[in-house]
Amino acid sequence: MENSVIRITRLPEDLLALLAAVEHPRLGINFDADNFYNAGVEPFPYAYELLREHIFQVHVKDSGRYIAAVHGDDRRVLHRAGGNVVCLPVGAGAVNWTGLIARFQQDGYRGPVSLEPHLLPHEMAPSMEADAAFLRRAGWVR
């Protein structure tokens, strides 16, 4: 189950309650740090610490508050619970990916990691290449 900006999966505490209610060993968290940021929740260390035992998969993307003078008028703006955001290269946005990746490595996370950019079609390939390069430099993927 992936955290999102909607109420039922917005807060890490709500995800824990859902996990407890279902209580099945194959139900876990698809941890999306950027979704937590977009929902107005601190992704790391707060959400991570609460959920780390239940993380089965990780979505990787990054974003920051939209500023028209900086990002321009031609960007895809996402309207989220935490405010209007634009997708940015992983490591260039509001999520502390360096700290979070280091913690995943320290904790021995070996599950799936997938890129999930919310960009315009012509931005997808270059963005995913840059994001994958960031993850390789961080030593998280090959």
Protein backbone atom coordinates (compact mmCIF):
# COMPACT_ATOMS: atom_id res chain seq x y z
CA MET A 1 0.00 0.00 0.00
CA GLU A 2 1.45 3.34 -1.05
CA ASN A 3 1.26 6.50 1.00
CA SER A 4 -0.48 9.31 -0.82
CA VAL A 5 -1.74 12.84 -0.32
CA ILE A 6 -5.27 11.61 0.40
CA ARG A 7 -6.57 11.12 3.94
CA ILE A 8 -6.62 7.34 4.28
CA THR A 9 -2.91 6.92 3.45
CA ARG A 10 -1.62 10.46 4.04
CA LEU A 11 -0.18 10.05 7.54
CA PRO A 12 2.26 7.34 8.63
CA GLU A 13 0.09 6.75 11.70
CA ASP A 14 -2.89 5.97 9.44
CA LEU A 15 -0.80 3.50 7.45
CA LEU A 16 0.20 1.77 10.68
CA ALA A 17 -3.46 1.54 11.69
CA LEU A 18 -4.36 0.01 8.32
CA LEU A 19 -1.53 -2.51 8.62
CA ALA A 20 -2.70 -3.46 12.11
CA ALA A 21 -6.31 -3.81 10.98
CA VAL A 22 -5.44 -6.12 8.08
CA GLU A 23 -2.61 -7.89 9.88
CA HIS A 24 -1.23 -9.93 6.97
CA PRO A 25 2.49 -10.66 6.41
CA ARG A 26 2.28 -9.85 2.68
CA LEU A 27 0.80 -6.39 3.17
CA GLY A 28 3.46 -3.71 3.44
CA ILE A 29 4.31 -0.15 2.54
CA ASN A 30 5.37 1.21 -0.82
CA PHE A 31 7.28 4.11 0.76
CA ASP A 32 7.11 7.32 -1.28
CA ALA A 33 9.08 10.04 0.50
CA ASP A 34 8.01 12.68 -2.00
CA ASN A 35 4.33 11.83 -1.49
CA PHE A 36 4.85 12.43 2.23
CA TYR A 37 6.46 15.80 1.48
CA ASN A 38 3.55 16.65 -0.87
CA ALA A 39 1.10 15.72 1.91
CA GLY A 40 2.81 18.07 4.37
CA VAL A 41 4.49 15.27 6.34
CA GLU A 42 8.23 15.06 7.06
CA PRO A 43 9.36 12.01 5.05
CA PHE A 44 12.69 11.49 6.79
CA PRO A 45 13.37 10.85 9.52
CA TYR A 46 9.78 11.03 10.87
CA ALA A 47 7.70 8.91 8.45
CA TYR A 48 10.58 6.57 7.73
CA GLU A 49 11.20 5.82 11.41
CA LEU A 50 7.55 4.99 12.00
CA LEU A 51 7.24 2.75 8.94
CA ARG A 52 10.68 1.27 8.30
CA GLU A 53 9.81 -2.23 9.53
CA HIS A 54 6.93 -2.38 7.03
CA ILE A 55 8.60 -1.00 3.88
CA PHE A 56 8.47 -3.50 0.99
CA GLN A 57 9.13 -1.11 -1.91
CA VAL A 58 10.35 2.46 -2.49
CA HIS A 59 9.21 5.02 -5.06
CA VAL A 60 11.84 7.61 -5.91
CA LYS A 61 10.98 11.09 -7.10
CA ASP A 62 11.53 14.62 -5.81
CA SER A 63 9.71 17.93 -5.85
CA GLY A 64 9.77 21.41 -4.39
CA ARG A 65 7.42 24.32 -3.88
CA TYR A 66 6.45 25.92 -7.16
CA ILE A 67 7.83 29.42 -7.71
CA ALA A 68 6.78 30.89 -11.07
CA ALA A 69 9.78 33.24 -11.25
CA VAL A 70 12.16 30.30 -10.75
CA HIS A 71 10.41 27.40 -12.46
CA GLY A 72 8.58 29.26 -15.25
CA ASP A 73 5.01 29.14 -16.47
CA ASP A 74 5.47 26.11 -18.75
CA ARG A 75 6.00 23.58 -15.95
CA ARG A 76 3.50 20.97 -14.85
CA VAL A 77 2.33 22.18 -11.43
CA LEU A 78 0.89 19.59 -9.07
CA HIS A 79 -1.65 20.80 -6.54
CA ARG A 80 -0.97 18.86 -3.35
CA ALA A 81 -2.07 18.97 0.27
CA GLY A 82 1.22 20.63 1.20
CA GLY A 83 0.92 23.27 -1.55
CA ASN A 84 1.72 23.63 -5.24
CA VAL A 85 4.83 21.71 -6.26
CA VAL A 86 6.90 20.92 -9.34
CA CYS A 87 8.88 17.77 -9.93
CA LEU A 88 12.62 18.25 -9.69
CA PRO A 89 15.61 15.97 -10.24
CA VAL A 90 16.11 13.56 -7.35
CA GLY A 91 18.38 15.26 -4.85
CA ALA A 92 17.46 18.76 -6.01
CA GLY A 93 14.09 18.98 -4.30
CA ALA A 94 12.80 19.06 -0.74
CA VAL A 95 13.29 15.37 0.10
CA ASN A 96 16.51 14.54 1.95
CA TRP A 97 17.40 11.70 -0.41
CA THR A 98 21.05 11.60 0.65
CA GLY A 99 20.11 11.03 4.29
CA LEU A 100 17.26 8.68 3.45
CA ILE A 101 19.36 6.51 1.12
CA ALA A 102 22.13 6.33 3.72
CA ARG A 103 19.57 5.14 6.25
CA PHE A 104 18.09 2.56 3.88
CA GLN A 105 21.62 1.25 3.30
CA GLN A 106 22.41 1.25 7.02
CA ASP A 107 19.20 -0.66 7.73
CA GLY A 108 19.99 -3.21 5.00
CA TYR A 109 17.00 -2.48 2.74
CA ARG A 110 17.12 -4.83 -0.28
CA GLY A 111 13.63 -4.39 -1.74
CA PRO A 112 12.56 -2.87 -5.05
CA VAL A 113 13.35 0.75 -5.88
CA SER A 114 11.48 2.39 -8.75
CA LEU A 115 11.57 5.83 -10.33
CA GLU A 116 8.22 7.61 -10.49
CA PRO A 117 8.50 11.04 -12.09
CA HIS A 118 5.33 13.06 -12.57
CA LEU A 119 6.52 14.99 -15.59
CA LEU A 120 5.43 15.94 -19.07
CA PRO A 121 6.13 13.19 -21.65
CA HIS A 122 9.10 14.96 -23.29
CA GLU A 123 10.75 15.36 -19.85
CA MET A 124 10.48 11.68 -18.82
CA ALA A 125 13.56 10.05 -20.40
CA PRO A 126 16.12 12.74 -19.50
CA SER A 127 14.71 12.99 -15.98
CA MET A 128 14.80 9.26 -15.38
CA GLU A 129 18.38 9.08 -16.67
CA ALA A 130 19.42 11.86 -14.27
CA ASP A 131 17.55 10.28 -11.35
CA ALA A 132 19.11 6.86 -12.02
CA ALA A 133 22.55 8.49 -12.16
CA PHE A 134 21.88 10.09 -8.75
CA LEU A 135 20.96 6.69 -7.29
CA ARG A 136 24.10 5.11 -8.78
CA ARG A 137 26.32 7.89 -7.35
CA ALA A 138 24.69 7.32 -3.97
CA GLY A 139 25.62 3.65 -4.27
CA TRP A 140 22.02 2.50 -3.98
CA VAL A 141 21.61 0.94 -7.42
CA ARG A 142 24.01 -0.34 -10.05
